[in-house]
Structures are given as structure tokens and as C-alpha cells.
């Protein structure tokens, strides 16, 4: 609530004095010794010159069933804590962000094409099935499709806002926001009542990437805010992925630019997960056609034989046939059907993995 006090100076104050109480008890000389805390800020701290009334802010937070999590709280997300400019406190509504869960950020155009929406939803569903959460910005278009795809498979999704946590933006996402609150979290670093000002969204983008192990961009122009998120991801030592589009589509110029710059081209969730070295992870409560162990329920006899043989590491088609006790033609046709269903993936050299 001290106007002009940035996160870096805030962090330095806490590092020096350990608690906010100790900061307010410190004298002018000691406060002036802290790096990044200028004379005007020192004056505001000493004289309690708030931008907003802190007690009123806390009342508003409680009234909308939200809570404030500080940088030192155990429930503060670990990955977010590691970035060079983390928010010193975040407003959270819904469930706590799981500390040990892997998250991938999915971002893209607000005015997305049908292709982009389907791609975002498909990738989010694939991540959720494997127990990976999805982070996005609750905007129209790709963001909404990413949140919806994750929820559809029972996954945990985090919406990072560019407004106060009590502001619904865009208003058309009311139903989606309510669904996220049931099985996910809404996060913001902006004070209660903060409107959707353009300057807020680049600021919030570093939180989307900060919560995630990687950022996947689905449809974006070269001037898109999604490329700002990708840039934040690179600064934070995160992986960057991009979905290719038509060479005739203006909306894919940004993703193609990222691919040219070294972003990994992806077509599905497995392309992302392979980068981190894990496959076939399934969350509890997935509402896909899978049993409690993650095994699909609608398999034929031949598919079950192969599914029991194939592991999470690549296996050659000849070895699959030997272990499953099936001839080459039956193995080949069954593998094709299973790949179309998304149960397995073919790699180079006729190698297959779940």
C-alpha cells in the first residue's frame, strides 16, 4: 500500500528487517541504507502515507472470499518465488495453487480462429490427462479455450488476472470463472478494484510464465502480448513452445517467428512433456474414458495386449509383436488405431511409447 514501492525494494526491505512490522519500526537512517529504497519512499514509510487504506483492503478481500498470500508463506508457489521480480504478495481465490504440481502456460490470440481454439483445447486436455496443470490469463480466445480444455479433463487450472481479483474481465467469462473456482485458482497481484488497464497485462504476463515450467504459444501475431509472455519465460529460464499455423494466416506470424528463433514446434501435449522427460501421467478424478490406473476403458483385446507391453520408454515394433504374441500385420494395424485414439505415440525408427 506504499505508492511507488516496487517488488525489488519491497524484497530488499524484508531481507534486511525480516518482517513488515520491523520495517515500520525502523528509523529513517536504517531505511535509507536499503538498496532501491529512495528518499521519497522512506518518507512515505515513516509517515504511513498509504495509497489505499490497508484495513479496508483486507475487509474487501474477505468479503469476496479471497485471501492474501505473502512471499514468505509456505503456500506461495515455489517456481514464482524463483523469478527475479516476484510479487511480494498475491491475491488468491478458489483453491491454493498445488506446490508440487507441474504447470504449463498456454497463451495466444484473443481473436483466435477455430483452428487455434481447437489446438489450445486439445493441448490443455492432453496436459490435464497426464496430471499437468494449465496456467493462462482468462482472456477471450486461446486463454479461455486452454482453461476449458483443462477443466474438461478434471485438471487444475490457474487464471492470472490483469485486474483486481474482484473484477470480472471480460464479463463474458463469468461461467468459466465460476468453473475455475470449483477446481482451480484465480490469482492477481493488483489491489482490489483495479480496472483492466492496458499497462497491467504485460505486468501479469511474468506471473503466468513464473508459475509455469514452460510457455506454449497458440496463434499470435508479432505484436501480440503472448510474445511478451514468451519473452518473460526466456528471462526466467523457462522453455518456450509454439504451435505452427498456416503460412497464409496473419494470426500465426508470431508463433512462426518464435519457431524461427528456436522455440520448440509442438502439435500436442506429448511434444511438451517429452521436453521434460515424462509421459503418461494421469490425475485422480480425470473424467476421460480411463480407469483409476489411467488405462483407457474402451480398448479391444488386441489393444489391451499391446498397451500392457508398451511402457513409458520407446519400444520397437518388432519387440512389441514378440512380447504381445501377435503377428506383424496385426501389430501394425492395432498400433495405427491406438495412435489415432491418442493412446500411444510413434517416434522415429518405428519406436512407440504410451
Foldseek 3Di string as FASTA:
>chain_A
DQPPQAQVQVVQLCVVQVDPVSSLVDALVVSCVGPPQDPVSSVCSPVVVDPDDVVVLQVVLVVVQKDKDALPDPLDAPLLNQAPGHQRIKIKAADRDDNPAAEEEEDADLPDDPVLLVQLLQQLLQCLQQRHEYEYALHHDSRLSNLVSNVLFPHEYEHEYLFAPPDDPPPVCPVSVVSNNHRYMYMYSDGPPGDNDPVSVLVRLLVSLSNHQEYEYGFAALPDSSVSSNVSNVSSVHAYEYEADDPPDNRRNNRVVVVVVPHHYDRHNVSVVVVVPWDQHGDAPTPPQADRVSHHDPDDPLLVLLLVVAAQDWDALVVSCVSSVHDSVSSVVSVVVCVVVVNWDADPPRIIHD
